[in-house]
C-alpha atoms as a PDB file:
ATOM      1  CA  MET A   1       7.749  50.289 -36.074  1.00  0.00           C
ATOM      2  CA  ALA A   2       8.289  46.845 -34.519  1.00  0.00           C
ATOM      3  CA  PHE A   3       7.996  43.434 -36.173  1.00  0.00           C
ATOM      4  CA  ALA A   4       6.643  40.248 -34.626  1.00  0.00           C
ATOM      5  CA  VAL A   5       7.392  36.703 -35.770  1.00  0.00           C
ATOM      6  CA  VAL A   6       4.301  34.657 -35.035  1.00  0.00           C
ATOM      7  CA  LEU A   7       3.065  31.083 -35.147  1.00  0.00           C
ATOM      8  CA  TYR A   8      -0.521  30.693 -36.395  1.00  0.00           C
ATOM      9  CA  PHE A   9      -2.953  27.894 -35.550  1.00  0.00           C
ATOM     10  CA  GLU A  10      -5.043  25.738 -37.851  1.00  0.00           C
ATOM     11  CA  GLU A  11      -8.405  27.330 -38.623  1.00  0.00           C
ATOM     12  CA  GLN A  12     -10.472  25.092 -36.331  1.00  0.00           C
ATOM     13  CA  HIS A  13      -8.332  26.064 -33.332  1.00  0.00           C
ATOM     14  CA  GLU A  14      -8.142  29.691 -34.352  1.00  0.00           C
ATOM     15  CA  LYS A  15     -11.943  29.850 -34.220  1.00  0.00           C
ATOM     16  CA  GLU A  16     -11.947  28.856 -30.526  1.00  0.00           C
ATOM     17  CA  PHE A  17      -9.721  31.788 -29.623  1.00  0.00           C
ATOM     18  CA  LEU A  18     -11.680  34.182 -31.843  1.00  0.00           C
ATOM     19  CA  ARG A  19     -14.874  33.121 -30.053  1.00  0.00           C
ATOM     20  CA  ILE A  20     -13.340  34.153 -26.704  1.00  0.00           C
ATOM     21  CA  TRP A  21     -12.032  37.456 -28.146  1.00  0.00           C
ATOM     22  CA  ASN A  22     -15.471  38.264 -29.556  1.00  0.00           C
ATOM     23  CA  THR A  23     -17.235  37.377 -26.302  1.00  0.00           C
ATOM     24  CA  LEU A  24     -14.889  39.621 -24.314  1.00  0.00           C
ATOM     25  CA  ALA A  25     -15.381  42.460 -26.820  1.00  0.00           C
ATOM     26  CA  LEU A  26     -19.181  42.137 -26.875  1.00  0.00           C
ATOM     27  CA  GLU A  27     -19.247  42.333 -23.081  1.00  0.00           C
ATOM     28  CA  GLY A  28     -16.954  45.376 -23.102  1.00  0.00           C
ATOM     29  CA  LEU A  29     -14.230  43.579 -21.131  1.00  0.00           C
ATOM     30  CA  SER A  30     -11.424  43.633 -23.708  1.00  0.00           C
ATOM     31  CA  THR A  31     -11.767  44.976 -27.260  1.00  0.00           C
ATOM     32  CA  ASP A  32      -8.142  45.586 -28.324  1.00  0.00           C
ATOM     33  CA  LEU A  33      -7.590  42.234 -30.047  1.00  0.00           C
ATOM     34  CA  VAL A  34     -10.811  42.405 -32.072  1.00  0.00           C
ATOM     35  CA  LYS A  35     -10.140  46.026 -33.040  1.00  0.00           C
ATOM     36  CA  ALA A  36      -6.601  45.148 -34.157  1.00  0.00           C
ATOM     37  CA  GLU A  37      -8.030  42.598 -36.622  1.00  0.00           C
ATOM     38  CA  ILE A  38      -5.241  40.139 -35.924  1.00  0.00           C
ATOM     39  CA  ARG A  39      -5.309  36.363 -35.896  1.00  0.00           C
ATOM     40  CA  PRO A  40      -4.779  34.304 -32.754  1.00  0.00           C
ATOM     41  CA  HIS A  41      -1.141  33.288 -32.530  1.00  0.00           C
ATOM     42  CA  ILE A  42       1.871  32.598 -30.364  1.00  0.00           C
ATOM     43  CA  THR A  43       4.507  35.310 -30.679  1.00  0.00           C
ATOM     44  CA  LEU A  44       7.966  33.834 -31.181  1.00  0.00           C
ATOM     45  CA  GLY A  45       9.856  37.121 -31.148  1.00  0.00           C
ATOM     46  CA  ILE A  46       9.507  40.872 -31.498  1.00  0.00           C
ATOM     47  CA  PHE A  47      12.211  43.079 -32.977  1.00  0.00           C
ATOM     48  CA  ASP A  48      12.356  46.865 -33.241  1.00  0.00           C
ATOM     49  CA  GLU A  49      13.969  46.524 -36.676  1.00  0.00           C
ATOM     50  CA  LEU A  50      13.934  43.707 -39.217  1.00  0.00           C
ATOM     51  CA  ASN A  51      15.598  43.448 -42.621  1.00  0.00           C
ATOM     52  CA  CYS A  52      12.609  41.824 -44.292  1.00  0.00           C
ATOM     53  CA  GLN A  53      13.979  40.621 -47.641  1.00  0.00           C
ATOM     54  CA  PRO A  54      16.672  38.258 -46.291  1.00  0.00           C
ATOM     55  CA  CYS A  55      14.396  37.377 -43.393  1.00  0.00           C
ATOM     56  CA  GLU A  56      11.583  36.401 -45.772  1.00  0.00           C
ATOM     57  CA  SER A  57      13.854  34.047 -47.695  1.00  0.00           C
ATOM     58  CA  GLN A  58      15.228  32.439 -44.536  1.00  0.00           C
ATOM     59  CA  LEU A  59      11.796  32.062 -42.944  1.00  0.00           C
ATOM     60  CA  SER A  60      10.449  30.527 -46.163  1.00  0.00           C
ATOM     61  CA  ASN A  61      13.258  27.950 -46.077  1.00  0.00           C
ATOM     62  CA  VAL A  62      12.613  27.075 -42.426  1.00  0.00           C
ATOM     63  CA  ALA A  63       8.856  26.743 -43.045  1.00  0.00           C
ATOM     64  CA  ALA A  64       9.467  24.457 -46.045  1.00  0.00           C
ATOM     65  CA  GLN A  65      11.466  22.112 -43.796  1.00  0.00           C
ATOM     66  CA  THR A  66       9.200  22.173 -40.737  1.00  0.00           C
ATOM     67  CA  HIS A  67       6.125  20.039 -40.175  1.00  0.00           C
ATOM     68  CA  PRO A  68       3.165  21.626 -38.395  1.00  0.00           C
ATOM     69  CA  ILE A  69       3.934  21.870 -34.690  1.00  0.00           C
ATOM     70  CA  GLU A  70       1.588  20.105 -32.305  1.00  0.00           C
ATOM     71  CA  PHE A  71       1.201  20.936 -28.623  1.00  0.00           C
ATOM     72  CA  GLN A  72      -1.439  21.238 -25.933  1.00  0.00           C
ATOM     73  CA  ILE A  73      -2.805  24.485 -24.563  1.00  0.00           C
ATOM     74  CA  THR A  74      -3.157  23.463 -20.934  1.00  0.00           C
ATOM     75  CA  HIS A  75      -3.614  26.532 -18.777  1.00  0.00           C
ATOM     76  CA  LEU A  76      -4.589  30.167 -18.428  1.00  0.00           C
ATOM     77  CA  GLY A  77      -2.280  32.807 -16.999  1.00  0.00           C
ATOM     78  CA  LEU A  78      -1.839  36.486 -16.223  1.00  0.00           C
ATOM     79  CA  PHE A  79       1.056  38.800 -16.971  1.00  0.00           C
ATOM     80  CA  THR A  80       1.016  41.849 -14.701  1.00  0.00           C
ATOM     81  CA  HIS A  81       3.791  43.971 -16.193  1.00  0.00           C
ATOM     82  CA  PRO A  82       3.950  46.264 -18.102  1.00  0.00           C
ATOM     83  CA  GLU A  83       0.150  45.936 -18.337  1.00  0.00           C
ATOM     84  CA  PRO A  84      -2.238  43.126 -17.394  1.00  0.00           C
ATOM     85  CA  VAL A  85      -2.613  40.434 -20.064  1.00  0.00           C
ATOM     86  CA  VAL A  86      -4.691  37.259 -19.771  1.00  0.00           C
ATOM     87  CA  PHE A  87      -3.394  34.401 -21.893  1.00  0.00           C
ATOM     88  CA  ALA A  88      -3.679  30.713 -22.718  1.00  0.00           C
ATOM     89  CA  SER A  89      -0.402  28.848 -22.609  1.00  0.00           C
ATOM     90  CA  PRO A  90       0.886  25.546 -23.933  1.00  0.00           C
ATOM     91  CA  THR A  91       2.817  22.904 -22.134  1.00  0.00           C
ATOM     92  CA  ILE A  92       6.273  23.493 -23.550  1.00  0.00           C
ATOM     93  CA  THR A  93       7.599  20.794 -25.872  1.00  0.00           C
ATOM     94  CA  ALA A  94      11.097  20.181 -27.205  1.00  0.00           C
ATOM     95  CA  GLU A  95       9.759  20.766 -30.729  1.00  0.00           C
ATOM     96  CA  LEU A  96       8.271  24.167 -29.822  1.00  0.00           C
ATOM     97  CA  LEU A  97      11.473  25.264 -28.052  1.00  0.00           C
ATOM     98  CA  ALA A  98      13.662  24.092 -30.935  1.00  0.00           C
ATOM     99  CA  PHE A  99      11.542  25.985 -33.485  1.00  0.00           C
ATOM    100  CA  HIS A 100      11.691  29.115 -31.326  1.00  0.00           C
ATOM    101  CA  GLN A 101      15.491  28.837 -31.039  1.00  0.00           C
ATOM    102  CA  THR A 102      15.865  28.247 -34.797  1.00  0.00           C
ATOM    103  CA  LEU A 103      13.891  31.386 -35.581  1.00  0.00           C
ATOM    104  CA  HIS A 104      15.963  33.475 -33.194  1.00  0.00           C
ATOM    105  CA  ASN A 105      19.153  32.095 -34.736  1.00  0.00           C
ATOM    106  CA  ILE A 106      18.115  33.157 -38.253  1.00  0.00           C
ATOM    107  CA  MET A 107      16.736  36.520 -37.089  1.00  0.00           C
ATOM    108  CA  GLU A 108      19.868  37.434 -35.165  1.00  0.00           C
ATOM    109  CA  VAL A 109      21.687  38.784 -38.234  1.00  0.00           C
ATOM    110  CA  GLU A 110      18.660  40.434 -39.848  1.00  0.00           C
ATOM    111  CA  SER A 111      17.170  42.140 -36.795  1.00  0.00           C
ATOM    112  CA  LYS A 112      17.944  44.762 -34.170  1.00  0.00           C
ATOM    113  CA  ASN A 113      16.740  45.233 -30.608  1.00  0.00           C
ATOM    114  CA  PRO A 114      14.901  42.004 -29.853  1.00  0.00           C
ATOM    115  CA  TRP A 115      12.348  42.342 -27.057  1.00  0.00           C
ATOM    116  CA  GLU A 116      13.759  40.619 -24.005  1.00  0.00           C
ATOM    117  CA  MET A 117      10.637  38.715 -22.961  1.00  0.00           C
ATOM    118  CA  TYR A 118      10.680  36.753 -26.244  1.00  0.00           C
ATOM    119  CA  LEU A 119      14.337  35.722 -26.138  1.00  0.00           C
ATOM    120  CA  PRO A 120      15.270  32.083 -25.628  1.00  0.00           C
ATOM    121  CA  ASP A 121      15.550  31.353 -21.884  1.00  0.00           C
ATOM    122  CA  LYS A 122      13.049  34.176 -21.115  1.00  0.00           C
ATOM    123  CA  TRP A 123      10.155  33.289 -23.427  1.00  0.00           C
ATOM    124  CA  VAL A 124       6.790  32.268 -22.018  1.00  0.00           C
ATOM    125  CA  PRO A 125       4.849  30.937 -25.012  1.00  0.00           C
ATOM    126  CA  HIS A 126       1.266  32.162 -24.934  1.00  0.00           C
ATOM    127  CA  CYS A 127      -1.768  33.193 -26.946  1.00  0.00           C
ATOM    128  CA  THR A 128      -3.136  36.496 -25.673  1.00  0.00           C
ATOM    129  CA  LEU A 129      -6.824  36.353 -24.769  1.00  0.00           C
ATOM    130  CA  ALA A 130      -7.322  39.815 -23.259  1.00  0.00           C
ATOM    131  CA  LEU A 131      -5.386  43.041 -22.901  1.00  0.00           C
ATOM    132  CA  GLY A 132      -6.141  46.712 -22.471  1.00  0.00           C
ATOM    133  CA  PHE A 133      -8.454  46.164 -19.505  1.00  0.00           C
ATOM    134  CA  GLU A 134      -8.745  47.426 -15.951  1.00  0.00           C
ATOM    135  CA  ILE A 135      -7.252  44.982 -13.443  1.00  0.00           C
ATOM    136  CA  GLY A 136     -10.575  44.959 -11.565  1.00  0.00           C
ATOM    137  CA  GLN A 137     -12.107  43.163 -14.565  1.00  0.00           C
ATOM    138  CA  VAL A 138      -9.695  40.230 -14.417  1.00  0.00           C
ATOM    139  CA  GLY A 139     -12.147  37.946 -12.584  1.00  0.00           C
ATOM    140  CA  LYS A 140     -14.866  38.439 -15.206  1.00  0.00           C
ATOM    141  CA  ILE A 141     -12.315  37.982 -17.987  1.00  0.00           C
ATOM    142  CA  PHE A 142     -11.042  34.714 -16.507  1.00  0.00           C
ATOM    143  CA  GLU A 143     -14.631  33.526 -16.124  1.00  0.00           C
ATOM    144  CA  LYS A 144     -15.187  33.991 -19.872  1.00  0.00           C
ATOM    145  CA  CYS A 145     -11.799  32.495 -20.762  1.00  0.00           C
ATOM    146  CA  LEU A 146     -12.673  29.353 -18.808  1.00  0.00           C
ATOM    147  CA  GLU A 147     -15.061  28.610 -21.678  1.00  0.00           C
ATOM    148  CA  LEU A 148     -12.026  27.343 -23.602  1.00  0.00           C
ATOM    149  CA  LYS A 149     -12.091  23.573 -23.377  1.00  0.00           C
ATOM    150  CA  LEU A 150      -8.670  22.862 -21.905  1.00  0.00           C
ATOM    151  CA  PRO A 151      -6.539  20.962 -22.468  1.00  0.00           C
ATOM    152  CA  MET A 152      -6.794  21.769 -26.168  1.00  0.00           C
ATOM    153  CA  GLN A 153      -4.677  19.887 -28.697  1.00  0.00           C
ATOM    154  CA  ILE A 154      -3.339  22.495 -31.130  1.00  0.00           C
ATOM    155  CA  LYS A 155      -1.621  22.285 -34.474  1.00  0.00           C
ATOM    156  CA  ALA A 156       0.292  25.373 -35.599  1.00  0.00           C
ATOM    157  CA  ASP A 157       0.581  25.325 -39.372  1.00  0.00           C
ATOM    158  CA  GLN A 158       1.871  28.766 -40.434  1.00  0.00           C
ATOM    159  CA  VAL A 159       4.653  31.136 -39.452  1.00  0.00           C
ATOM    160  CA  GLY A 160       4.630  34.793 -40.384  1.00  0.00           C
ATOM    161  CA  VAL A 161       5.872  38.288 -39.753  1.00  0.00           C
ATOM    162  CA  VAL A 162       3.616  41.225 -38.913  1.00  0.00           C
ATOM    163  CA  ASP A 163       4.492  44.836 -38.289  1.00  0.00           C
ATOM    164  CA  PHE A 164       2.611  46.988 -35.836  1.00  0.00           C
ATOM    165  CA  GLN A 165       1.077  49.604 -34.887  1.00  0.00           C
ATOM    166  CA  PRO A 166      -1.155  49.288 -36.824  1.00  0.00           C
ATOM    167  CA  VAL A 167      -0.928  45.535 -37.368  1.00  0.00           C
ATOM    168  CA  ARG A 168      -0.185  44.504 -40.943  1.00  0.00           C
ATOM    169  CA  ASP A 169       0.883  41.137 -42.392  1.00  0.00           C
ATOM    170  CA  VAL A 170       4.299  41.372 -43.991  1.00  0.00           C
ATOM    171  CA  PHE A 171       4.432  37.725 -45.099  1.00  0.00           C
ATOM    172  CA  ARG A 172       3.456  34.259 -43.924  1.00  0.00           C
ATOM    173  CA  PHE A 173       4.375  30.709 -44.877  1.00  0.00           C
ATOM    174  CA  GLN A 174       2.658  27.375 -44.548  1.00  0.00           C
ATOM    175  CA  LEU A 175       4.639  24.809 -42.589  1.00  0.00           C
ATOM    176  CA  LEU A 176       5.506  21.681 -44.599  1.00  0.00           C
END
């Protein structure tokens, strides 16, 4: 079982992403995110193992000292490996990078086998819009994703840990 550390958006912004997920699911283009019953988020790190009790305390402390993080979602993108994923991505800010680095610093002792693509210097921050689809559908998926009004000013106001598969909240904390 793997654990993801995630950054959640304020409700008004979350609704925009949920609208896209639901549209893609209703049209049979990508249903995995709706079926998983997860919230839109930016994944900060994934670890094969996580010692949750010390991690919970440390994450709570970081959240209590961190103001909500503001950034702009400015573009759509496509990962092609290991499977196609359409995503919305922010313009990277110093604040977002510093928060990401801080979380990896505190998780280093309490975790094992971090996933490489989420490590500092490799991380591409993104909110997944579609996955689990045939590559031939990518044009239709992008067409629907263009309904997001970009650039979109976002405020991330919670950080949490989920385990998966299946997805289950372990804990989450409000940022200051």
